[in-house]
Amino acid sequence: SLTYHKSDGSLRCHYCGYRIPVPAVCPSCGTGSLLPR
């Protein structure tokens, strides 16, 4: 799973360095908001 870094609003892989911005809404259902766990 991608780790959430709030400081820059990114989701990061701690194995390969892959990084994306946190999506505004869920890419799967298109309605839900993403919550940190």
PDB file of all heavy atoms in Angstrom:
ATOM      1  N   SER A   1       0.838  -1.197   0.000  1.00  0.00           N
ATOM      2  CA  SER A   1       0.000   0.000   0.000  1.00  0.00           C
ATOM      3  C   SER A   1       0.875   1.250   0.000  1.00  0.00           C
ATOM      4  O   SER A   1       2.003   1.244   0.495  1.00  0.00           O
ATOM      5  CB  SER A   1      -0.931   0.008   1.217  1.00  0.00           C
ATOM      6  OG  SER A   1      -0.190  -0.037   2.416  1.00  0.00           O
ATOM      7  N   LEU A   2       0.345   2.321  -0.566  1.00  0.00           N
ATOM      8  CA  LEU A   2       1.050   3.602  -0.597  1.00  0.00           C
ATOM      9  C   LEU A   2       0.856   4.325   0.734  1.00  0.00           C
ATOM     10  O   LEU A   2      -0.263   4.389   1.252  1.00  0.00           O
ATOM     11  CB  LEU A   2       0.542   4.477  -1.743  1.00  0.00           C
ATOM     12  CG  LEU A   2       0.767   3.934  -3.158  1.00  0.00           C
ATOM     13  CD1 LEU A   2       0.111   4.852  -4.187  1.00  0.00           C
ATOM     14  CD2 LEU A   2       2.255   3.786  -3.458  1.00  0.00           C
ATOM     15  N   THR A   3       1.937   4.868   1.268  1.00  0.00           N
ATOM     16  CA  THR A   3       1.888   5.586   2.538  1.00  0.00           C
ATOM     17  C   THR A   3       1.500   7.040   2.299  1.00  0.00           C
ATOM     18  O   THR A   3       2.031   7.697   1.398  1.00  0.00           O
ATOM     19  CB  THR A   3       3.254   5.521   3.240  1.00  0.00           C
ATOM     20  OG1 THR A   3       3.589   4.148   3.486  1.00  0.00           O
ATOM     21  CG2 THR A   3       3.229   6.267   4.568  1.00  0.00           C
ATOM     22  N   TYR A   4       0.595   7.536   3.119  1.00  0.00           N
ATOM     23  CA  TYR A   4       0.124   8.912   2.984  1.00  0.00           C
ATOM     24  C   TYR A   4       1.075   9.863   3.715  1.00  0.00           C
ATOM     25  O   TYR A   4       1.351   9.689   4.903  1.00  0.00           O
ATOM     26  CB  TYR A   4      -1.286   9.028   3.563  1.00  0.00           C
ATOM     27  CG  TYR A   4      -1.841  10.436   3.631  1.00  0.00           C
ATOM     28  CD1 TYR A   4      -1.651  11.351   2.598  1.00  0.00           C
ATOM     29  CD2 TYR A   4      -2.584  10.850   4.741  1.00  0.00           C
ATOM     30  CE1 TYR A   4      -2.174  12.638   2.664  1.00  0.00           C
ATOM     31  CE2 TYR A   4      -3.121  12.130   4.813  1.00  0.00           C
ATOM     32  CZ  TYR A   4      -2.904  13.015   3.776  1.00  0.00           C
ATOM     33  OH  TYR A   4      -3.411  14.283   3.851  1.00  0.00           O
ATOM     34  N   HIS A   5       1.579  10.873   2.979  1.00  0.00           N
ATOM     35  CA  HIS A   5       2.410  11.922   3.560  1.00  0.00           C
ATOM     36  C   HIS A   5       1.636  13.236   3.449  1.00  0.00           C
ATOM     37  O   HIS A   5       1.483  13.794   2.354  1.00  0.00           O
ATOM     38  CB  HIS A   5       3.749  12.018   2.821  1.00  0.00           C
ATOM     39  CG  HIS A   5       4.667  10.868   3.101  1.00  0.00           C
ATOM     40  ND1 HIS A   5       5.786  10.980   3.887  1.00  0.00           N
ATOM     41  CD2 HIS A   5       4.613   9.566   2.717  1.00  0.00           C
ATOM     42  CE1 HIS A   5       6.397   9.812   3.961  1.00  0.00           C
ATOM     43  NE2 HIS A   5       5.696   8.933   3.266  1.00  0.00           N
ATOM     44  N   LYS A   6       1.151  13.717   4.581  1.00  0.00           N
ATOM     45  CA  LYS A   6       0.298  14.895   4.571  1.00  0.00           C
ATOM     46  C   LYS A   6       1.068  16.168   4.242  1.00  0.00           C
ATOM     47  O   LYS A   6       0.513  17.124   3.693  1.00  0.00           O
ATOM     48  CB  LYS A   6      -0.399  15.041   5.929  1.00  0.00           C
ATOM     49  CG  LYS A   6      -1.485  16.111   5.941  1.00  0.00           C
ATOM     50  CD  LYS A   6      -2.245  16.113   7.250  1.00  0.00           C
ATOM     51  CE  LYS A   6      -3.358  17.140   7.230  1.00  0.00           C
ATOM     52  NZ  LYS A   6      -4.153  17.128   8.482  1.00  0.00           N
ATOM     53  N   SER A   7       2.364  16.208   4.563  1.00  0.00           N
ATOM     54  CA  SER A   7       3.152  17.429   4.386  1.00  0.00           C
ATOM     55  C   SER A   7       3.122  17.924   2.945  1.00  0.00           C
ATOM     56  O   SER A   7       3.101  19.137   2.701  1.00  0.00           O
ATOM     57  CB  SER A   7       4.600  17.192   4.826  1.00  0.00           C
ATOM     58  OG  SER A   7       5.174  16.138   4.072  1.00  0.00           O
ATOM     59  N   ASP A   8       3.119  17.001   1.981  1.00  0.00           N
ATOM     60  CA  ASP A   8       3.062  17.414   0.575  1.00  0.00           C
ATOM     61  C   ASP A   8       1.860  16.820  -0.159  1.00  0.00           C
ATOM     62  O   ASP A   8       1.780  16.880  -1.379  1.00  0.00           O
ATOM     63  CB  ASP A   8       4.357  17.054  -0.150  1.00  0.00           C
ATOM     64  CG  ASP A   8       4.634  15.558  -0.175  1.00  0.00           C
ATOM     65  OD1 ASP A   8       3.822  14.790   0.377  1.00  0.00           O
ATOM     66  OD2 ASP A   8       5.656  15.153  -0.742  1.00  0.00           O
ATOM     67  N   GLY A   9       0.922  16.225   0.594  1.00  0.00           N
ATOM     68  CA  GLY A   9      -0.292  15.675  -0.013  1.00  0.00           C
ATOM     69  C   GLY A   9      -0.031  14.547  -0.985  1.00  0.00           C
ATOM     70  O   GLY A   9      -0.720  14.427  -1.997  1.00  0.00           O
ATOM     71  N   SER A  10       0.952  13.701  -0.668  1.00  0.00           N
ATOM     72  CA  SER A  10       1.315  12.631  -1.598  1.00  0.00           C
ATOM     73  C   SER A  10       1.062  11.257  -1.000  1.00  0.00           C
ATOM     74  O   SER A  10       0.977  11.079   0.226  1.00  0.00           O
ATOM     75  CB  SER A  10       2.796  12.743  -1.986  1.00  0.00           C
ATOM     76  OG  SER A  10       3.625  12.434  -0.885  1.00  0.00           O
ATOM     77  N   LEU A  11       0.942  10.285  -1.903  1.00  0.00           N
ATOM     78  CA  LEU A  11       0.953   8.870  -1.550  1.00  0.00           C
ATOM     79  C   LEU A  11       2.249   8.294  -2.111  1.00  0.00           C
ATOM     80  O   LEU A  11       2.529   8.437  -3.299  1.00  0.00           O
ATOM     81  CB  LEU A  11      -0.257   8.153  -2.158  1.00  0.00           C
ATOM     82  CG  LEU A  11      -1.631   8.599  -1.660  1.00  0.00           C
ATOM     83  CD1 LEU A  11      -2.735   7.950  -2.498  1.00  0.00           C
ATOM     84  CD2 LEU A  11      -1.818   8.253  -0.185  1.00  0.00           C
ATOM     85  N   ARG A  12       3.040   7.641  -1.245  1.00  0.00           N
ATOM     86  CA  ARG A  12       4.372   7.196  -1.667  1.00  0.00           C
ATOM     87  C   ARG A  12       4.588   5.715  -1.387  1.00  0.00           C
ATOM     88  O   ARG A  12       4.101   5.176  -0.390  1.00  0.00           O
ATOM     89  CB  ARG A  12       5.473   7.968  -0.924  1.00  0.00           C
ATOM     90  CG  ARG A  12       5.403   9.471  -1.045  1.00  0.00           C
ATOM     91  CD  ARG A  12       6.606  10.077  -0.348  1.00  0.00           C
ATOM     92  NE  ARG A  12       6.368  11.447   0.085  1.00  0.00           N
ATOM     93  CZ  ARG A  12       7.188  12.144   0.851  1.00  0.00           C
ATOM     94  NH1 ARG A  12       8.307  11.583   1.282  1.00  0.00           N
ATOM     95  NH2 ARG A  12       6.896  13.380   1.201  1.00  0.00           N
ATOM     96  N   CYS A  13       5.364   5.089  -2.271  1.00  0.00           N
ATOM     97  CA  CYS A  13       5.834   3.727  -2.041  1.00  0.00           C
ATOM     98  C   CYS A  13       7.214   3.811  -1.405  1.00  0.00           C
ATOM     99  O   CYS A  13       8.133   4.414  -1.971  1.00  0.00           O
ATOM    100  CB  CYS A  13       5.912   2.946  -3.354  1.00  0.00           C
ATOM    101  SG  CYS A  13       6.624   1.286  -3.154  1.00  0.00           S
ATOM    102  N   HIS A  14       7.371   3.197  -0.235  1.00  0.00           N
ATOM    103  CA  HIS A  14       8.658   3.238   0.462  1.00  0.00           C
ATOM    104  C   HIS A  14       9.622   2.172  -0.046  1.00  0.00           C
ATOM    105  O   HIS A  14      10.725   2.045   0.482  1.00  0.00           O
ATOM    106  CB  HIS A  14       8.442   3.087   1.964  1.00  0.00           C
ATOM    107  CG  HIS A  14       7.814   4.301   2.588  1.00  0.00           C
ATOM    108  ND1 HIS A  14       7.372   4.338   3.896  1.00  0.00           N
ATOM    109  CD2 HIS A  14       7.556   5.543   2.079  1.00  0.00           C
ATOM    110  CE1 HIS A  14       6.875   5.534   4.166  1.00  0.00           C
ATOM    111  NE2 HIS A  14       6.970   6.276   3.078  1.00  0.00           N
ATOM    112  N   TYR A  15       9.208   1.418  -1.078  1.00  0.00           N
ATOM    113  CA  TYR A  15      10.106   0.426  -1.678  1.00  0.00           C
ATOM    114  C   TYR A  15      10.758   0.942  -2.955  1.00  0.00           C
ATOM    115  O   TYR A  15      11.964   0.804  -3.147  1.00  0.00           O
ATOM    116  CB  TYR A  15       9.347  -0.878  -1.971  1.00  0.00           C
ATOM    117  CG  TYR A  15       9.098  -1.709  -0.744  1.00  0.00           C
ATOM    118  CD1 TYR A  15       7.988  -1.477   0.064  1.00  0.00           C
ATOM    119  CD2 TYR A  15       9.977  -2.719  -0.367  1.00  0.00           C
ATOM    120  CE1 TYR A  15       7.760  -2.225   1.209  1.00  0.00           C
ATOM    121  CE2 TYR A  15       9.754  -3.483   0.778  1.00  0.00           C
ATOM    122  CZ  TYR A  15       8.644  -3.221   1.558  1.00  0.00           C
ATOM    123  OH  TYR A  15       8.427  -3.962   2.692  1.00  0.00           O
ATOM    124  N   CYS A  16       9.959   1.534  -3.844  1.00  0.00           N
ATOM    125  CA  CYS A  16      10.509   1.950  -5.144  1.00  0.00           C
ATOM    126  C   CYS A  16      10.498   3.454  -5.345  1.00  0.00           C
ATOM    127  O   CYS A  16      11.051   3.955  -6.328  1.00  0.00           O
ATOM    128  CB  CYS A  16       9.761   1.260  -6.284  1.00  0.00           C
ATOM    129  SG  CYS A  16       8.071   1.877  -6.542  1.00  0.00           S
ATOM    130  N   GLY A  17       9.847   4.216  -4.445  1.00  0.00           N
ATOM    131  CA  GLY A  17       9.815   5.667  -4.574  1.00  0.00           C
ATOM    132  C   GLY A  17       8.675   6.210  -5.414  1.00  0.00           C
ATOM    133  O   GLY A  17       8.585   7.425  -5.615  1.00  0.00           O
ATOM    134  N   TYR A  18       7.802   5.354  -5.931  1.00  0.00           N
ATOM    135  CA  TYR A  18       6.637   5.809  -6.699  1.00  0.00           C
ATOM    136  C   TYR A  18       5.825   6.795  -5.862  1.00  0.00           C
ATOM    137  O   TYR A  18       5.641   6.605  -4.653  1.00  0.00           O
ATOM    138  CB  TYR A  18       5.783   4.600  -7.080  1.00  0.00           C
ATOM    139  CG  TYR A  18       4.483   4.930  -7.784  1.00  0.00           C
ATOM    140  CD1 TYR A  18       4.451   5.183  -9.149  1.00  0.00           C
ATOM    141  CD2 TYR A  18       3.282   4.958  -7.081  1.00  0.00           C
ATOM    142  CE1 TYR A  18       3.252   5.476  -9.794  1.00  0.00           C
ATOM    143  CE2 TYR A  18       2.080   5.243  -7.711  1.00  0.00           C
ATOM    144  CZ  TYR A  18       2.079   5.504  -9.072  1.00  0.00           C
ATOM    145  OH  TYR A  18       0.897   5.788  -9.697  1.00  0.00           O
ATOM    146  N   ARG A  19       5.321   7.852  -6.492  1.00  0.00           N
ATOM    147  CA  ARG A  19       4.611   8.899  -5.765  1.00  0.00           C
ATOM    148  C   ARG A  19       3.500   9.487  -6.628  1.00  0.00           C
ATOM    149  O   ARG A  19       3.711   9.740  -7.812  1.00  0.00           O
ATOM    150  CB  ARG A  19       5.606   9.996  -5.371  1.00  0.00           C
ATOM    151  CG  ARG A  19       5.003  11.176  -4.660  1.00  0.00           C
ATOM    152  CD  ARG A  19       6.027  12.271  -4.413  1.00  0.00           C
ATOM    153  NE  ARG A  19       7.224  11.798  -3.735  1.00  0.00           N
ATOM    154  CZ  ARG A  19       8.037  12.574  -3.032  1.00  0.00           C
ATOM    155  NH1 ARG A  19       7.767  13.865  -2.931  1.00  0.00           N
ATOM    156  NH2 ARG A  19       9.103  12.082  -2.456  1.00  0.00           N
ATOM    157  N   ILE A  20       2.333   9.703  -6.036  1.00  0.00           N
ATOM    158  CA  ILE A  20       1.225  10.364  -6.725  1.00  0.00           C
ATOM    159  C   ILE A  20       0.543  11.318  -5.742  1.00  0.00           C
ATOM    160  O   ILE A  20       0.625  11.128  -4.520  1.00  0.00           O
ATOM    161  CB  ILE A  20       0.173   9.365  -7.256  1.00  0.00           C
ATOM    162  CG1 ILE A  20      -0.397   8.512  -6.122  1.00  0.00           C
ATOM    163  CG2 ILE A  20       0.735   8.515  -8.377  1.00  0.00           C
ATOM    164  CD1 ILE A  20      -1.591   7.663  -6.520  1.00  0.00           C
ATOM    165  N   PRO A  21      -0.134  12.362  -6.238  1.00  0.00           N
ATOM    166  CA  PRO A  21      -0.939  13.212  -5.346  1.00  0.00           C
ATOM    167  C   PRO A  21      -2.137  12.417  -4.829  1.00  0.00           C
ATOM    168  O   PRO A  21      -2.619  11.489  -5.491  1.00  0.00           O
ATOM    169  CB  PRO A  21      -1.388  14.359  -6.246  1.00  0.00           C
ATOM    170  CG  PRO A  21      -0.584  14.252  -7.494  1.00  0.00           C
ATOM    171  CD  PRO A  21      -0.160  12.830  -7.629  1.00  0.00           C
ATOM    172  N   VAL A  22      -2.619  12.779  -3.660  1.00  0.00           N
ATOM    173  CA  VAL A  22      -3.810  12.113  -3.122  1.00  0.00           C
ATOM    174  C   VAL A  22      -5.017  12.481  -3.987  1.00  0.00           C
ATOM    175  O   VAL A  22      -5.295  13.664  -4.188  1.00  0.00           O
ATOM    176  CB  VAL A  22      -4.065  12.541  -1.668  1.00  0.00           C
ATOM    177  CG1 VAL A  22      -5.338  11.871  -1.137  1.00  0.00           C
ATOM    178  CG2 VAL A  22      -2.889  12.188  -0.787  1.00  0.00           C
ATOM    179  N   PRO A  23      -5.741  11.501  -4.537  1.00  0.00           N
ATOM    180  CA  PRO A  23      -6.925  11.821  -5.349  1.00  0.00           C
ATOM    181  C   PRO A  23      -7.986  12.548  -4.535  1.00  0.00           C
ATOM    182  O   PRO A  23      -8.155  12.300  -3.334  1.00  0.00           O
ATOM    183  CB  PRO A  23      -7.432  10.435  -5.794  1.00  0.00           C
ATOM    184  CG  PRO A  23      -6.258   9.520  -5.628  1.00  0.00           C
ATOM    185  CD  PRO A  23      -5.476  10.053  -4.477  1.00  0.00           C
ATOM    186  N   ALA A  24      -8.696  13.456  -5.194  1.00  0.00           N
ATOM    187  CA  ALA A  24      -9.756  14.212  -4.513  1.00  0.00           C
ATOM    188  C   ALA A  24     -10.913  13.303  -4.115  1.00  0.00           C
ATOM    189  O   ALA A  24     -11.525  13.483  -3.056  1.00  0.00           O
ATOM    190  CB  ALA A  24     -10.252  15.333  -5.413  1.00  0.00           C
ATOM    191  N   VAL A  25     -11.227  12.325  -4.984  1.00  0.00           N
ATOM    192  CA  VAL A  25     -12.267  11.336  -4.675  1.00  0.00           C
ATOM    193  C   VAL A  25     -11.723   9.957  -5.009  1.00  0.00           C
ATOM    194  O   VAL A  25     -10.721   9.815  -5.701  1.00  0.00           O
ATOM    195  CB  VAL A  25     -13.579  11.590  -5.472  1.00  0.00           C
ATOM    196  CG1 VAL A  25     -14.214  12.894  -5.053  1.00  0.00           C
ATOM    197  CG2 VAL A  25     -13.320  11.561  -6.971  1.00  0.00           C
ATOM    198  N   CYS A  26     -12.394   8.942  -4.537  1.00  0.00           N
ATOM    199  CA  CYS A  26     -11.955   7.562  -4.748  1.00  0.00           C
ATOM    200  C   CYS A  26     -11.912   7.232  -6.240  1.00  0.00           C
ATOM    201  O   CYS A  26     -12.917   7.377  -6.948  1.00  0.00           O
ATOM    202  CB  CYS A  26     -12.909   6.611  -4.026  1.00  0.00           C
ATOM    203  SG  CYS A  26     -12.589   4.865  -4.375  1.00  0.00           S
ATOM    204  N   PRO A  27     -10.782   6.763  -6.772  1.00  0.00           N
ATOM    205  CA  PRO A  27     -10.695   6.395  -8.193  1.00  0.00           C
ATOM    206  C   PRO A  27     -11.545   5.183  -8.549  1.00  0.00           C
ATOM    207  O   PRO A  27     -11.837   4.957  -9.717  1.00  0.00           O
ATOM    208  CB  PRO A  27      -9.208   6.078  -8.381  1.00  0.00           C
ATOM    209  CG  PRO A  27      -8.514   6.713  -7.231  1.00  0.00           C
ATOM    210  CD  PRO A  27      -9.488   6.662  -6.102  1.00  0.00           C
ATOM    211  N   SER A  28     -11.941   4.393  -7.524  1.00  0.00           N
ATOM    212  CA  SER A  28     -12.704   3.184  -7.799  1.00  0.00           C
ATOM    213  C   SER A  28     -14.196   3.462  -7.919  1.00  0.00           C
ATOM    214  O   SER A  28     -14.817   3.145  -8.935  1.00  0.00           O
ATOM    215  CB  SER A  28     -12.462   2.155  -6.694  1.00  0.00           C
ATOM    216  OG  SER A  28     -13.227   0.986  -6.909  1.00  0.00           O
ATOM    217  N   CYS A  29     -14.798   4.101  -6.898  1.00  0.00           N
ATOM    218  CA  CYS A  29     -16.244   4.331  -6.936  1.00  0.00           C
ATOM    219  C   CYS A  29     -16.601   5.740  -7.399  1.00  0.00           C
ATOM    220  O   CYS A  29     -17.749   5.999  -7.757  1.00  0.00           O
ATOM    221  CB  CYS A  29     -16.865   4.048  -5.564  1.00  0.00           C
ATOM    222  SG  CYS A  29     -16.388   5.223  -4.273  1.00  0.00           S
ATOM    223  N   GLY A  30     -15.640   6.648  -7.364  1.00  0.00           N
ATOM    224  CA  GLY A  30     -15.869   8.007  -7.852  1.00  0.00           C
ATOM    225  C   GLY A  30     -16.687   8.885  -6.942  1.00  0.00           C
ATOM    226  O   GLY A  30     -17.011  10.018  -7.295  1.00  0.00           O
ATOM    227  N   THR A  31     -17.018   8.387  -5.740  1.00  0.00           N
ATOM    228  CA  THR A  31     -17.856   9.192  -4.838  1.00  0.00           C
ATOM    229  C   THR A  31     -17.235   9.360  -3.456  1.00  0.00           C
ATOM    230  O   THR A  31     -17.355  10.415  -2.846  1.00  0.00           O
ATOM    231  CB  THR A  31     -19.241   8.546  -4.670  1.00  0.00           C
ATOM    232  OG1 THR A  31     -19.086   7.205  -4.181  1.00  0.00           O
ATOM    233  CG2 THR A  31     -19.980   8.507  -6.007  1.00  0.00           C
ATOM    234  N   GLY A  32     -16.617   8.326  -2.937  1.00  0.00           N
ATOM    235  CA  GLY A  32     -16.119   8.369  -1.567  1.00  0.00           C
ATOM    236  C   GLY A  32     -14.862   9.204  -1.417  1.00  0.00           C
ATOM    237  O   GLY A  32     -14.098   9.412  -2.370  1.00  0.00           O
ATOM    238  N   SER A  33     -14.635   9.721  -0.207  1.00  0.00           N
ATOM    239  CA  SER A  33     -13.398  10.437   0.101  1.00  0.00           C
ATOM    240  C   SER A  33     -12.413   9.468   0.731  1.00  0.00           C
ATOM    241  O   SER A  33     -12.797   8.471   1.349  1.00  0.00           O
ATOM    242  CB  SER A  33     -13.684  11.601   1.052  1.00  0.00           C
ATOM    243  OG  SER A  33     -14.306  11.129   2.234  1.00  0.00           O
ATOM    244  N   LEU A  34     -11.126   9.758   0.558  1.00  0.00           N
ATOM    245  CA  LEU A  34     -10.075   8.879   1.065  1.00  0.00           C
ATOM    246  C   LEU A  34      -9.690   9.297   2.478  1.00  0.00           C
ATOM    247  O   LEU A  34      -9.360  10.448   2.733  1.00  0.00           O
ATOM    248  CB  LEU A  34      -8.858   8.928   0.145  1.00  0.00           C
ATOM    249  CG  LEU A  34      -9.125   8.485  -1.300  1.00  0.00           C
ATOM    250  CD1 LEU A  34      -7.846   8.534  -2.123  1.00  0.00           C
ATOM    251  CD2 LEU A  34      -9.722   7.084  -1.346  1.00  0.00           C
ATOM    252  N   LEU A  35      -9.725   8.327   3.389  1.00  0.00           N
ATOM    253  CA  LEU A  35      -9.478   8.594   4.802  1.00  0.00           C
ATOM    254  C   LEU A  35      -8.184   7.923   5.238  1.00  0.00           C
ATOM    255  O   LEU A  35      -7.948   6.743   4.924  1.00  0.00           O
ATOM    256  CB  LEU A  35     -10.645   8.058   5.649  1.00  0.00           C
ATOM    257  CG  LEU A  35     -12.040   8.517   5.228  1.00  0.00           C
ATOM    258  CD1 LEU A  35     -13.101   7.779   6.037  1.00  0.00           C
ATOM    259  CD2 LEU A  35     -12.178  10.023   5.404  1.00  0.00           C
ATOM    260  N   PRO A  36      -7.317   8.621   5.970  1.00  0.00           N
ATOM    261  CA  PRO A  36      -6.086   7.998   6.457  1.00  0.00           C
ATOM    262  C   PRO A  36      -6.385   6.971   7.538  1.00  0.00           C
ATOM    263  O   PRO A  36      -7.259   7.170   8.382  1.00  0.00           O
ATOM    264  CB  PRO A  36      -5.283   9.181   7.005  1.00  0.00           C
ATOM    265  CG  PRO A  36      -6.284  10.246   7.271  1.00  0.00           C
ATOM    266  CD  PRO A  36      -7.412  10.049   6.311  1.00  0.00           C
ATOM    267  N   ARG A  37      -5.654   5.846   7.507  1.00  0.00           N
ATOM    268  CA  ARG A  37      -5.814   4.789   8.501  1.00  0.00           C
ATOM    269  C   ARG A  37      -4.462   4.514   9.163  1.00  0.00           C
ATOM    270  O   ARG A  37      -3.441   4.516   8.508  1.00  0.00           O
ATOM    271  CB  ARG A  37      -6.319   3.494   7.855  1.00  0.00           C
ATOM    272  CG  ARG A  37      -7.640   3.631   7.092  1.00  0.00           C
ATOM    273  CD  ARG A  37      -8.776   4.054   7.994  1.00  0.00           C
ATOM    274  NE  ARG A  37     -10.083   3.974   7.336  1.00  0.00           N
ATOM    275  CZ  ARG A  37     -11.179   4.534   7.813  1.00  0.00           C
ATOM    276  NH1 ARG A  37     -11.142   5.228   8.941  1.00  0.00           N
ATOM    277  NH2 ARG A  37     -12.314   4.414   7.161  1.00  0.00           N
TER     278      ARG A  37
END
